[in-house]
Amino acid sequence: MEFLLVWILNGNVLDSGLRYDDAASCYASAQNSGMELKGIGLSGLQFTCIPVSENEELKLLIPSTPRPSFLF
């Protein structure tokens, strides 16, 4: 099992392409990157770490209407 880091910016989902061995390292990396991005003026970023099977293709299906999600 790997964890994929996904960024959400103004309702748009951005697949980082970064995968981590565990949720803790995904979360820590996202928090550190988020602080750096805020430092250069990019605010409003949210992220989530999605568990995925190793070496499996992942298709993100995003609904066209906004709805609550479980973001960190």
PDB file of N, CA and C in Angstrom:
ATOM      1  N   MET A   1       0.833  -1.165   0.000  1.00  0.00           N
ATOM      2  CA  MET A   1       0.000   0.000   0.000  1.00  0.00           C
ATOM      3  C   MET A   1       0.892   1.249   0.000  1.00  0.00           C
ATOM      4  N   GLU A   2       0.554   2.176  -0.854  1.00  0.00           N
ATOM      5  CA  GLU A   2       1.242   3.464  -0.914  1.00  0.00           C
ATOM      6  C   GLU A   2       0.202   4.564  -0.683  1.00  0.00           C
ATOM      7  N   PHE A   3       0.693   5.782  -0.467  1.00  0.00           N
ATOM      8  CA  PHE A   3      -0.192   6.921  -0.265  1.00  0.00           C
ATOM      9  C   PHE A   3       0.159   8.006  -1.273  1.00  0.00           C
ATOM     10  N   LEU A   4      -0.844   8.438  -2.017  1.00  0.00           N
ATOM     11  CA  LEU A   4      -0.684   9.457  -3.050  1.00  0.00           C
ATOM     12  C   LEU A   4      -1.057  10.812  -2.468  1.00  0.00           C
ATOM     13  N   LEU A   5      -0.175  11.797  -2.650  1.00  0.00           N
ATOM     14  CA  LEU A   5      -0.435  13.164  -2.196  1.00  0.00           C
ATOM     15  C   LEU A   5      -1.210  13.908  -3.272  1.00  0.00           C
ATOM     16  N   VAL A   6      -2.379  14.428  -2.892  1.00  0.00           N
ATOM     17  CA  VAL A   6      -3.231  15.172  -3.809  1.00  0.00           C
ATOM     18  C   VAL A   6      -3.478  16.552  -3.208  1.00  0.00           C
ATOM     19  N   TRP A   7      -3.281  17.588  -4.023  1.00  0.00           N
ATOM     20  CA  TRP A   7      -3.524  18.970  -3.597  1.00  0.00           C
ATOM     21  C   TRP A   7      -4.880  19.440  -4.101  1.00  0.00           C
ATOM     22  N   ILE A   8      -5.556  20.257  -3.310  1.00  0.00           N
ATOM     23  CA  ILE A   8      -6.822  20.864  -3.708  1.00  0.00           C
ATOM     24  C   ILE A   8      -6.639  22.374  -3.620  1.00  0.00           C
ATOM     25  N   LEU A   9      -6.848  23.048  -4.740  1.00  0.00           N
ATOM     26  CA  LEU A   9      -6.682  24.498  -4.819  1.00  0.00           C
ATOM     27  C   LEU A   9      -7.913  25.088  -5.484  1.00  0.00           C
ATOM     28  N   ASN A  10      -8.676  25.856  -4.716  1.00  0.00           N
ATOM     29  CA  ASN A  10      -9.900  26.493  -5.223  1.00  0.00           C
ATOM     30  C   ASN A  10     -10.841  25.491  -5.884  1.00  0.00           C
ATOM     31  N   GLY A  11     -10.978  24.324  -5.288  1.00  0.00           N
ATOM     32  CA  GLY A  11     -11.883  23.316  -5.819  1.00  0.00           C
ATOM     33  C   GLY A  11     -11.304  22.465  -6.933  1.00  0.00           C
ATOM     34  N   ASN A  12     -10.096  22.759  -7.371  1.00  0.00           N
ATOM     35  CA  ASN A  12      -9.433  21.970  -8.412  1.00  0.00           C
ATOM     36  C   ASN A  12      -8.505  20.946  -7.763  1.00  0.00           C
ATOM     37  N   VAL A  13      -8.544  19.738  -8.256  1.00  0.00           N
ATOM     38  CA  VAL A  13      -7.714  18.662  -7.723  1.00  0.00           C
ATOM     39  C   VAL A  13      -6.453  18.546  -8.552  1.00  0.00           C
ATOM     40  N   LEU A  14      -5.311  18.586  -7.880  1.00  0.00           N
ATOM     41  CA  LEU A  14      -4.009  18.489  -8.549  1.00  0.00           C
ATOM     42  C   LEU A  14      -3.291  17.243  -8.054  1.00  0.00           C
ATOM     43  N   ASP A  15      -3.083  16.300  -8.938  1.00  0.00           N
ATOM     44  CA  ASP A  15      -2.373  15.071  -8.603  1.00  0.00           C
ATOM     45  C   ASP A  15      -0.879  15.393  -8.568  1.00  0.00           C
ATOM     46  N   SER A  16      -0.271  15.280  -7.409  1.00  0.00           N
ATOM     47  CA  SER A  16       1.154  15.595  -7.280  1.00  0.00           C
ATOM     48  C   SER A  16       2.030  14.536  -7.941  1.00  0.00           C
ATOM     49  N   GLY A  17       1.504  13.321  -8.069  1.00  0.00           N
ATOM     50  CA  GLY A  17       2.310  12.227  -8.605  1.00  0.00           C
ATOM     51  C   GLY A  17       3.268  11.640  -7.573  1.00  0.00           C
ATOM     52  N   LEU A  18       3.281  12.233  -6.373  1.00  0.00           N
ATOM     53  CA  LEU A  18       4.178  11.760  -5.323  1.00  0.00           C
ATOM     54  C   LEU A  18       3.502  10.673  -4.513  1.00  0.00           C
ATOM     55  N   ARG A  19       4.209   9.556  -4.324  1.00  0.00           N
ATOM     56  CA  ARG A  19       3.694   8.441  -3.529  1.00  0.00           C
ATOM     57  C   ARG A  19       4.640   8.187  -2.366  1.00  0.00           C
ATOM     58  N   TYR A  20       4.047   7.809  -1.249  1.00  0.00           N
ATOM     59  CA  TYR A  20       4.811   7.594  -0.019  1.00  0.00           C
ATOM     60  C   TYR A  20       4.517   6.208   0.538  1.00  0.00           C
ATOM     61  N   ASP A  21       5.463   5.682   1.316  1.00  0.00           N
ATOM     62  CA  ASP A  21       5.313   4.349   1.885  1.00  0.00           C
ATOM     63  C   ASP A  21       4.291   4.298   3.016  1.00  0.00           C
ATOM     64  N   ASP A  22       4.091   5.427   3.695  1.00  0.00           N
ATOM     65  CA  ASP A  22       3.120   5.440   4.786  1.00  0.00           C
ATOM     66  C   ASP A  22       2.431   6.802   4.867  1.00  0.00           C
ATOM     67  N   ALA A  23       1.291   6.818   5.546  1.00  0.00           N
ATOM     68  CA  ALA A  23       0.476   8.029   5.637  1.00  0.00           C
ATOM     69  C   ALA A  23       1.207   9.141   6.384  1.00  0.00           C
ATOM     70  N   ALA A  24       1.992   8.783   7.386  1.00  0.00           N
ATOM     71  CA  ALA A  24       2.694   9.791   8.183  1.00  0.00           C
ATOM     72  C   ALA A  24       3.692  10.582   7.337  1.00  0.00           C
ATOM     73  N   SER A  25       4.445   9.910   6.479  1.00  0.00           N
ATOM     74  CA  SER A  25       5.421  10.626   5.652  1.00  0.00           C
ATOM     75  C   SER A  25       4.712  11.461   4.588  1.00  0.00           C
ATOM     76  N   CYS A  26       3.584  10.984   4.078  1.00  0.00           N
ATOM     77  CA  CYS A  26       2.800  11.757   3.116  1.00  0.00           C
ATOM     78  C   CYS A  26       2.304  13.044   3.776  1.00  0.00           C
ATOM     79  N   TYR A  27       1.734  12.910   4.961  1.00  0.00           N
ATOM     80  CA  TYR A  27       1.193  14.045   5.696  1.00  0.00           C
ATOM     81  C   TYR A  27       2.296  15.063   6.027  1.00  0.00           C
ATOM     82  N   ALA A  28       3.432  14.572   6.534  1.00  0.00           N
ATOM     83  CA  ALA A  28       4.537  15.459   6.909  1.00  0.00           C
ATOM     84  C   ALA A  28       5.073  16.213   5.690  1.00  0.00           C
ATOM     85  N   SER A  29       5.240  15.519   4.590  1.00  0.00           N
ATOM     86  CA  SER A  29       5.733  16.157   3.365  1.00  0.00           C
ATOM     87  C   SER A  29       4.758  17.224   2.879  1.00  0.00           C
ATOM     88  N   ALA A  30       3.467  16.913   2.918  1.00  0.00           N
ATOM     89  CA  ALA A  30       2.455  17.874   2.476  1.00  0.00           C
ATOM     90  C   ALA A  30       2.450  19.109   3.367  1.00  0.00           C
ATOM     91  N   GLN A  31       2.559  18.919   4.668  1.00  0.00           N
ATOM     92  CA  GLN A  31       2.576  20.070   5.573  1.00  0.00           C
ATOM     93  C   GLN A  31       3.799  20.944   5.329  1.00  0.00           C
ATOM     94  N   ASN A  32       4.962  20.336   5.157  1.00  0.00           N
ATOM     95  CA  ASN A  32       6.176  21.102   4.893  1.00  0.00           C
ATOM     96  C   ASN A  32       6.078  21.857   3.566  1.00  0.00           C
ATOM     97  N   SER A  33       5.603  21.173   2.534  1.00  0.00           N
ATOM     98  CA  SER A  33       5.450  21.819   1.223  1.00  0.00           C
ATOM     99  C   SER A  33       4.418  22.936   1.296  1.00  0.00           C
ATOM    100  N   GLY A  34       3.340  22.698   2.027  1.00  0.00           N
ATOM    101  CA  GLY A  34       2.303  23.712   2.176  1.00  0.00           C
ATOM    102  C   GLY A  34       2.820  24.982   2.824  1.00  0.00           C
ATOM    103  N   MET A  35       3.671  24.839   3.836  1.00  0.00           N
ATOM    104  CA  MET A  35       4.262  26.017   4.492  1.00  0.00           C
ATOM    105  C   MET A  35       5.159  26.774   3.524  1.00  0.00           C
ATOM    106  N   GLU A  36       5.940  26.048   2.725  1.00  0.00           N
ATOM    107  CA  GLU A  36       6.814  26.689   1.746  1.00  0.00           C
ATOM    108  C   GLU A  36       5.997  27.423   0.685  1.00  0.00           C
ATOM    109  N   LEU A  37       4.920  26.813   0.222  1.00  0.00           N
ATOM    110  CA  LEU A  37       4.077  27.439  -0.802  1.00  0.00           C
ATOM    111  C   LEU A  37       3.365  28.677  -0.262  1.00  0.00           C
ATOM    112  N   LYS A  38       2.940  28.637   0.990  1.00  0.00           N
ATOM    113  CA  LYS A  38       2.333  29.818   1.607  1.00  0.00           C
ATOM    114  C   LYS A  38       3.354  30.944   1.717  1.00  0.00           C
ATOM    115  N   GLY A  39       4.604  30.579   1.954  1.00  0.00           N
ATOM    116  CA  GLY A  39       5.677  31.553   2.062  1.00  0.00           C
ATOM    117  C   GLY A  39       5.915  32.317   0.773  1.00  0.00           C
ATOM    118  N   ILE A  40       5.570  31.719  -0.366  1.00  0.00           N
ATOM    119  CA  ILE A  40       5.750  32.417  -1.645  1.00  0.00           C
ATOM    120  C   ILE A  40       4.430  32.967  -2.186  1.00  0.00           C
ATOM    121  N   GLY A  41       3.391  32.937  -1.322  1.00  0.00           N
ATOM    122  CA  GLY A  41       2.139  33.582  -1.703  1.00  0.00           C
ATOM    123  C   GLY A  41       1.020  32.688  -2.193  1.00  0.00           C
ATOM    124  N   LEU A  42       1.229  31.385  -2.245  1.00  0.00           N
ATOM    125  CA  LEU A  42       0.151  30.467  -2.639  1.00  0.00           C
ATOM    126  C   LEU A  42      -0.615  30.067  -1.391  1.00  0.00           C
ATOM    127  N   SER A  43      -1.810  30.592  -1.228  1.00  0.00           N
ATOM    128  CA  SER A  43      -2.604  30.244  -0.061  1.00  0.00           C
ATOM    129  C   SER A  43      -3.873  29.524  -0.493  1.00  0.00           C
ATOM    130  N   GLY A  44      -4.589  29.003   0.456  1.00  0.00           N
ATOM    131  CA  GLY A  44      -5.823  28.296   0.148  1.00  0.00           C
ATOM    132  C   GLY A  44      -5.616  26.861  -0.296  1.00  0.00           C
ATOM    133  N   LEU A  45      -4.406  26.352  -0.124  1.00  0.00           N
ATOM    134  CA  LEU A  45      -4.116  24.967  -0.502  1.00  0.00           C
ATOM    135  C   LEU A  45      -4.585  24.017   0.589  1.00  0.00           C
ATOM    136  N   GLN A  46      -5.193  22.936   0.174  1.00  0.00           N
ATOM    137  CA  GLN A  46      -5.527  21.841   1.065  1.00  0.00           C
ATOM    138  C   GLN A  46      -4.955  20.577   0.441  1.00  0.00           C
ATOM    139  N   PHE A  47      -4.820  19.544   1.232  1.00  0.00           N
ATOM    140  CA  PHE A  47      -4.281  18.308   0.697  1.00  0.00           C
ATOM    141  C   PHE A  47      -4.959  17.116   1.332  1.00  0.00           C
ATOM    142  N   THR A  48      -4.790  15.994   0.700  1.00  0.00           N
ATOM    143  CA  THR A  48      -5.199  14.719   1.276  1.00  0.00           C
ATOM    144  C   THR A  48      -4.230  13.649   0.780  1.00  0.00           C
ATOM    145  N   CYS A  49      -4.084  12.616   1.551  1.00  0.00           N
ATOM    146  CA  CYS A  49      -3.237  11.481   1.187  1.00  0.00           C
ATOM    147  C   CYS A  49      -4.160  10.290   0.940  1.00  0.00           C
ATOM    148  N   ILE A  50      -4.149   9.793  -0.279  1.00  0.00           N
ATOM    149  CA  ILE A  50      -5.063   8.729  -0.689  1.00  0.00           C
ATOM    150  C   ILE A  50      -4.319   7.394  -0.713  1.00  0.00           C
ATOM    151  N   PRO A  51      -4.825   6.386   0.012  1.00  0.00           N
ATOM    152  CA  PRO A  51      -4.180   5.067  -0.060  1.00  0.00           C
ATOM    153  C   PRO A  51      -4.443   4.419  -1.419  1.00  0.00           C
ATOM    154  N   VAL A  52      -3.389   3.897  -2.027  1.00  0.00           N
ATOM    155  CA  VAL A  52      -3.502   3.234  -3.324  1.00  0.00           C
ATOM    156  C   VAL A  52      -2.666   1.953  -3.313  1.00  0.00           C
ATOM    157  N   SER A  53      -3.056   1.014  -4.144  1.00  0.00           N
ATOM    158  CA  SER A  53      -2.272  -0.216  -4.289  1.00  0.00           C
ATOM    159  C   SER A  53      -1.011   0.086  -5.078  1.00  0.00           C
ATOM    160  N   GLU A  54       0.065  -0.562  -4.701  1.00  0.00           N
ATOM    161  CA  GLU A  54       1.327  -0.347  -5.403  1.00  0.00           C
ATOM    162  C   GLU A  54       1.230  -0.824  -6.841  1.00  0.00           C
ATOM    163  N   ASN A  55       1.832  -0.069  -7.727  1.00  0.00           N
ATOM    164  CA  ASN A  55       1.915  -0.395  -9.156  1.00  0.00           C
ATOM    165  C   ASN A  55       0.556  -0.545  -9.833  1.00  0.00           C
ATOM    166  N   GLU A  56      -0.472   0.078  -9.280  1.00  0.00           N
ATOM    167  CA  GLU A  56      -1.800   0.037  -9.886  1.00  0.00           C
ATOM    168  C   GLU A  56      -2.140   1.430 -10.401  1.00  0.00           C
ATOM    169  N   GLU A  57      -2.816   1.490 -11.531  1.00  0.00           N
ATOM    170  CA  GLU A  57      -3.251   2.760 -12.085  1.00  0.00           C
ATOM    171  C   GLU A  57      -4.372   3.318 -11.220  1.00  0.00           C
ATOM    172  N   LEU A  58      -4.345   4.607 -10.994  1.00  0.00           N
ATOM    173  CA  LEU A  58      -5.362   5.264 -10.184  1.00  0.00           C
ATOM    174  C   LEU A  58      -6.094   6.287 -11.036  1.00  0.00           C
ATOM    175  N   LYS A  59      -7.403   6.220 -11.035  1.00  0.00           N
ATOM    176  CA  LYS A  59      -8.212   7.202 -11.744  1.00  0.00           C
ATOM    177  C   LYS A  59      -8.996   7.989 -10.712  1.00  0.00           C
ATOM    178  N   LEU A  60      -8.769   9.301 -10.681  1.00  0.00           N
ATOM    179  CA  LEU A  60      -9.507  10.162  -9.769  1.00  0.00           C
ATOM    180  C   LEU A  60     -10.779  10.632 -10.455  1.00  0.00           C
ATOM    181  N   LEU A  61     -11.908  10.321  -9.866  1.00  0.00           N
ATOM    182  CA  LEU A  61     -13.194  10.748 -10.399  1.00  0.00           C
ATOM    183  C   LEU A  61     -13.715  11.860  -9.504  1.00  0.00           C
ATOM    184  N   ILE A  62     -13.737  13.069 -10.045  1.00  0.00           N
ATOM    185  CA  ILE A  62     -14.126  14.243  -9.270  1.00  0.00           C
ATOM    186  C   ILE A  62     -15.525  14.671  -9.694  1.00  0.00           C
ATOM    187  N   PRO A  63     -16.470  14.749  -8.737  1.00  0.00           N
ATOM    188  CA  PRO A  63     -17.815  15.185  -9.106  1.00  0.00           C
ATOM    189  C   PRO A  63     -17.819  16.642  -9.557  1.00  0.00           C
ATOM    190  N   SER A  64     -18.746  16.983 -10.445  1.00  0.00           N
ATOM    191  CA  SER A  64     -18.794  18.353 -10.959  1.00  0.00           C
ATOM    192  C   SER A  64     -19.375  19.329  -9.950  1.00  0.00           C
ATOM    193  N   THR A  65     -20.070  18.838  -8.939  1.00  0.00           N
ATOM    194  CA  THR A  65     -20.620  19.721  -7.911  1.00  0.00           C
ATOM    195  C   THR A  65     -19.807  19.553  -6.632  1.00  0.00           C
ATOM    196  N   PRO A  66     -19.489  20.671  -5.995  1.00  0.00           N
ATOM    197  CA  PRO A  66     -18.702  20.567  -4.769  1.00  0.00           C
ATOM    198  C   PRO A  66     -19.504  19.884  -3.656  1.00  0.00           C
ATOM    199  N   ARG A  67     -18.822  19.076  -2.892  1.00  0.00           N
ATOM    200  CA  ARG A  67     -19.456  18.444  -1.748  1.00  0.00           C
ATOM    201  C   ARG A  67     -18.416  18.252  -0.668  1.00  0.00           C
ATOM    202  N   PRO A  68     -18.832  18.058   0.561  1.00  0.00           N
ATOM    203  CA  PRO A  68     -17.873  17.931   1.651  1.00  0.00           C
ATOM    204  C   PRO A  68     -16.902  16.777   1.408  1.00  0.00           C
ATOM    205  N   SER A  69     -15.694  16.969   1.843  1.00  0.00           N
ATOM    206  CA  SER A  69     -14.699  15.907   1.725  1.00  0.00           C
ATOM    207  C   SER A  69     -13.901  15.850   3.015  1.00  0.00           C
ATOM    208  N   PHE A  70     -13.110  14.823   3.153  1.00  0.00           N
ATOM    209  CA  PHE A  70     -12.303  14.644   4.339  1.00  0.00           C
ATOM    210  C   PHE A  70     -10.871  15.064   4.032  1.00  0.00           C
ATOM    211  N   LEU A  71     -10.598  16.327   4.183  1.00  0.00           N
ATOM    212  CA  LEU A  71      -9.273  16.857   3.905  1.00  0.00           C
ATOM    213  C   LEU A  71      -8.532  17.058   5.213  1.00  0.00           C
ATOM    214  N   PHE A  72      -7.212  16.908   5.173  1.00  0.00           N
ATOM    215  CA  PHE A  72      -6.405  17.170   6.355  1.00  0.00           C
ATOM    216  C   PHE A  72      -6.259  18.639   6.538  1.00  0.00           C
TER     217      PHE A  72
END
